[in-house]
Amino acid sequence: MKFLVADDHELIRQGVKGLLRGLDPDAQFDDEADTWESLAAARPDADHDLAIVDLHMPGMNGATSLEALLKANPALPVVVLSAEESPNEMRAVLAAGALGFVPKRQPASVMLKAIELVLSGSAYVPMEALSLLGSRDAQGTPAEAGAYATQGSVSNVGANAGRACRRYGAG
């Protein structure tokens, strides 16, 4: 598999790459980025199986930059790593088209599960994110939203995640 790892901290980039090698010992990392400019120049459309992106690198404007990245590379699956865990940021990231949001304070096992789900054609929305967002639907629970957001094929998973987020007050 081919991955693009984008974070402004070398330690994080190297740690993520090490974890990804645990999923695939033959993982390729032809490109990495530590700023918005280097992310845009990293050829994210070059057959990457997945991009793991920090939203708060120098030059990035959060979900707005992510949306621009995905508009230019609509087939690129993206999992966002972020130290920011505000409901507004989670909402914006999912609405922009990310297929996963992983808070950096989570254990490595959570990030790996999110990546496995996205690589299998699903989406990952952490349960804690759903509980932060809160349910506005008396007939559903955040747990149901998590299950709903992880169903679907590669072609419709973004729409499913978006629908789940809208259903539970995120979109």
Protein backbone atom coordinates (compact mmCIF):
# COMPACT_ATOMS: atom_id res chain seq x y z
CA MET A 1 0.00 0.00 0.00
CA LYS A 2 1.07 3.55 -0.63
CA PHE A 3 0.55 6.20 2.04
CA LEU A 4 0.96 9.95 2.31
CA VAL A 5 1.68 11.15 5.85
CA ALA A 6 1.29 14.88 6.49
CA ASP A 7 2.11 16.38 9.88
CA ASP A 8 4.37 19.24 10.88
CA HIS A 9 6.01 17.16 13.61
CA GLU A 10 8.69 14.71 12.49
CA LEU A 11 8.07 12.49 15.53
CA ILE A 12 4.40 12.10 14.59
CA ARG A 13 5.21 11.36 10.92
CA GLN A 14 7.76 8.71 11.87
CA GLY A 15 5.44 7.18 14.48
CA VAL A 16 2.53 6.97 12.05
CA LYS A 17 4.78 5.41 9.41
CA GLY A 18 5.96 2.81 11.93
CA LEU A 19 2.37 1.93 12.82
CA LEU A 20 1.42 1.66 9.16
CA ARG A 21 4.32 -0.74 8.57
CA GLY A 22 2.64 -2.91 11.21
CA LEU A 23 -0.41 -3.10 8.94
CA ASP A 24 1.67 -3.62 5.81
CA PRO A 25 5.39 -4.40 6.09
CA ASP A 26 5.76 -3.37 2.44
CA ALA A 27 4.06 0.00 2.95
CA GLN A 28 5.43 2.74 0.71
CA PHE A 29 5.94 6.33 1.76
CA ASP A 30 7.17 8.05 -1.38
CA ASP A 31 5.78 11.36 -0.18
CA GLU A 32 5.37 13.11 3.15
CA ALA A 33 4.51 16.65 4.07
CA ASP A 34 5.11 19.07 6.92
CA THR A 35 3.35 22.16 5.53
CA TRP A 36 0.34 22.89 3.33
CA GLU A 37 2.71 23.77 0.48
CA SER A 38 4.59 20.47 0.76
CA LEU A 39 1.29 18.57 0.97
CA ALA A 40 0.03 20.18 -2.24
CA ALA A 41 3.39 19.45 -3.90
CA ALA A 42 3.48 15.83 -2.68
CA ARG A 43 1.34 14.62 -5.58
CA PRO A 44 -1.50 13.32 -3.38
CA ASP A 45 -3.21 11.97 -6.49
CA ALA A 46 -0.26 9.66 -7.26
CA ASP A 47 -2.09 6.41 -6.50
CA HIS A 48 -2.01 6.78 -2.74
CA ASP A 49 -4.19 4.29 -0.93
CA LEU A 50 -4.61 6.72 1.96
CA ALA A 51 -3.50 10.13 3.20
CA ILE A 52 -3.18 10.80 6.92
CA VAL A 53 -3.32 14.55 7.42
CA ASP A 54 -2.88 16.92 10.36
CA LEU A 55 -5.17 19.93 9.87
CA HIS A 56 -2.97 22.37 11.71
CA MET A 57 0.28 22.32 9.77
CA PRO A 58 1.81 25.65 8.78
CA GLY A 59 -0.10 27.17 5.87
CA MET A 60 -3.23 25.07 6.38
CA ASN A 61 -6.59 26.59 7.07
CA GLY A 62 -8.19 23.57 8.73
CA ALA A 63 -11.14 21.99 6.97
CA THR A 64 -11.05 24.64 4.23
CA SER A 65 -7.63 23.37 3.12
CA LEU A 66 -8.82 19.78 3.42
CA GLU A 67 -11.79 20.57 1.21
CA ALA A 68 -9.46 22.09 -1.41
CA LEU A 69 -7.21 19.02 -1.24
CA LEU A 70 -10.15 16.68 -1.76
CA LYS A 71 -11.63 18.80 -4.53
CA ALA A 72 -8.34 18.51 -6.41
CA ASN A 73 -8.06 14.78 -5.55
CA PRO A 74 -11.59 13.39 -5.19
CA ALA A 75 -10.50 9.73 -5.08
CA LEU A 76 -8.00 10.28 -2.25
CA PRO A 77 -9.18 8.72 1.03
CA VAL A 78 -8.17 10.94 3.96
CA VAL A 79 -8.00 10.27 7.68
CA VAL A 80 -7.45 13.39 9.77
CA LEU A 81 -5.26 13.37 12.87
CA SER A 82 -5.84 16.34 15.10
CA ALA A 83 -5.01 17.62 18.55
CA GLU A 84 -8.12 19.79 18.20
CA GLU A 85 -11.30 17.98 19.22
CA SER A 86 -13.97 20.64 19.03
CA PRO A 87 -17.37 19.60 17.68
CA ASN A 88 -17.15 22.39 15.09
CA GLU A 89 -13.85 21.05 13.76
CA MET A 90 -15.12 17.47 13.66
CA ARG A 91 -18.24 18.62 11.83
CA ALA A 92 -16.22 20.64 9.31
CA VAL A 93 -13.72 17.83 8.66
CA LEU A 94 -16.44 15.28 7.97
CA ALA A 95 -18.42 17.72 5.85
CA ALA A 96 -15.26 18.44 3.83
CA GLY A 97 -15.06 14.76 2.91
CA ALA A 98 -12.59 13.16 5.31
CA LEU A 99 -13.38 9.50 5.89
CA GLY A 100 -11.97 9.49 9.40
CA PHE A 101 -11.18 11.79 12.31
CA VAL A 102 -8.76 10.56 14.97
CA PRO A 103 -7.88 12.72 17.97
CA LYS A 104 -4.12 12.57 18.60
CA ARG A 105 -4.67 11.71 22.23
CA GLN A 106 -6.18 8.35 21.25
CA PRO A 107 -4.10 5.19 21.51
CA ALA A 108 -2.38 3.84 18.41
CA SER A 109 -4.89 0.98 18.27
CA VAL A 110 -7.71 3.45 17.60
CA MET A 111 -5.81 5.09 14.74
CA LEU A 112 -5.03 1.69 13.24
CA LYS A 113 -8.69 0.63 13.47
CA ALA A 114 -9.75 3.86 11.78
CA ILE A 115 -7.24 3.28 9.00
CA GLU A 116 -8.34 -0.34 8.55
CA LEU A 117 -11.97 0.77 8.30
CA VAL A 118 -11.20 3.45 5.72
CA LEU A 119 -9.00 1.10 3.67
CA SER A 120 -11.85 -1.44 3.66
CA GLY A 121 -14.23 1.15 2.19
CA SER A 122 -15.84 2.38 5.39
CA ALA A 123 -15.57 5.56 7.42
CA TYR A 124 -14.46 6.14 10.99
CA VAL A 125 -16.10 8.62 13.34
CA PRO A 126 -14.99 8.15 16.94
CA MET A 127 -17.76 7.46 19.40
CA GLU A 128 -16.52 10.28 21.57
CA ALA A 129 -16.93 12.63 18.62
CA LEU A 130 -20.51 11.50 18.18
CA SER A 131 -21.22 12.02 21.86
CA LEU A 132 -19.65 15.48 21.71
CA LEU A 133 -21.81 16.31 18.72
CA GLY A 134 -24.88 14.96 20.47
CA SER A 135 -27.94 13.37 19.02
CA ARG A 136 -30.76 15.54 17.72
CA ASP A 137 -32.80 12.55 16.62
CA ALA A 138 -34.98 11.02 19.31
CA GLN A 139 -35.11 7.75 17.34
CA GLY A 140 -31.36 7.20 17.18
CA THR A 141 -28.32 7.10 19.37
CA PRO A 142 -24.73 8.15 18.76
CA ALA A 143 -23.83 4.44 18.82
CA GLU A 144 -26.16 3.90 15.87
CA ALA A 145 -24.52 6.81 14.09
CA GLY A 146 -21.12 5.18 14.49
CA ALA A 147 -22.41 1.96 12.97
CA TYR A 148 -24.13 3.83 10.17
CA ALA A 149 -21.05 5.87 9.39
CA THR A 150 -18.97 2.73 9.02
CA GLN A 151 -21.28 1.00 6.53
CA GLY A 152 -21.05 1.22 2.78
CA SER A 153 -18.84 0.82 -0.22
CA VAL A 154 -16.00 3.07 -1.27
CA SER A 155 -18.31 4.88 -3.66
CA ASN A 156 -20.92 5.83 -1.08
CA VAL A 157 -19.08 5.89 2.24
CA GLY A 158 -18.52 9.64 2.15
CA ALA A 159 -22.21 10.20 1.59
CA ASN A 160 -23.03 7.77 4.40
CA ALA A 161 -20.71 9.55 6.82
CA GLY A 162 -22.19 12.88 5.77
CA ARG A 163 -25.74 11.61 6.25
CA ALA A 164 -24.87 10.19 9.65
CA CYS A 165 -23.32 13.49 10.71
CA ARG A 166 -26.33 15.47 9.49
CA ARG A 167 -28.71 13.05 11.24
CA TYR A 168 -26.90 13.60 14.52
CA GLY A 169 -26.55 17.34 14.25
CA ALA A 170 -23.07 17.52 12.74
CA GLY A 171 -23.88 18.79 9.28
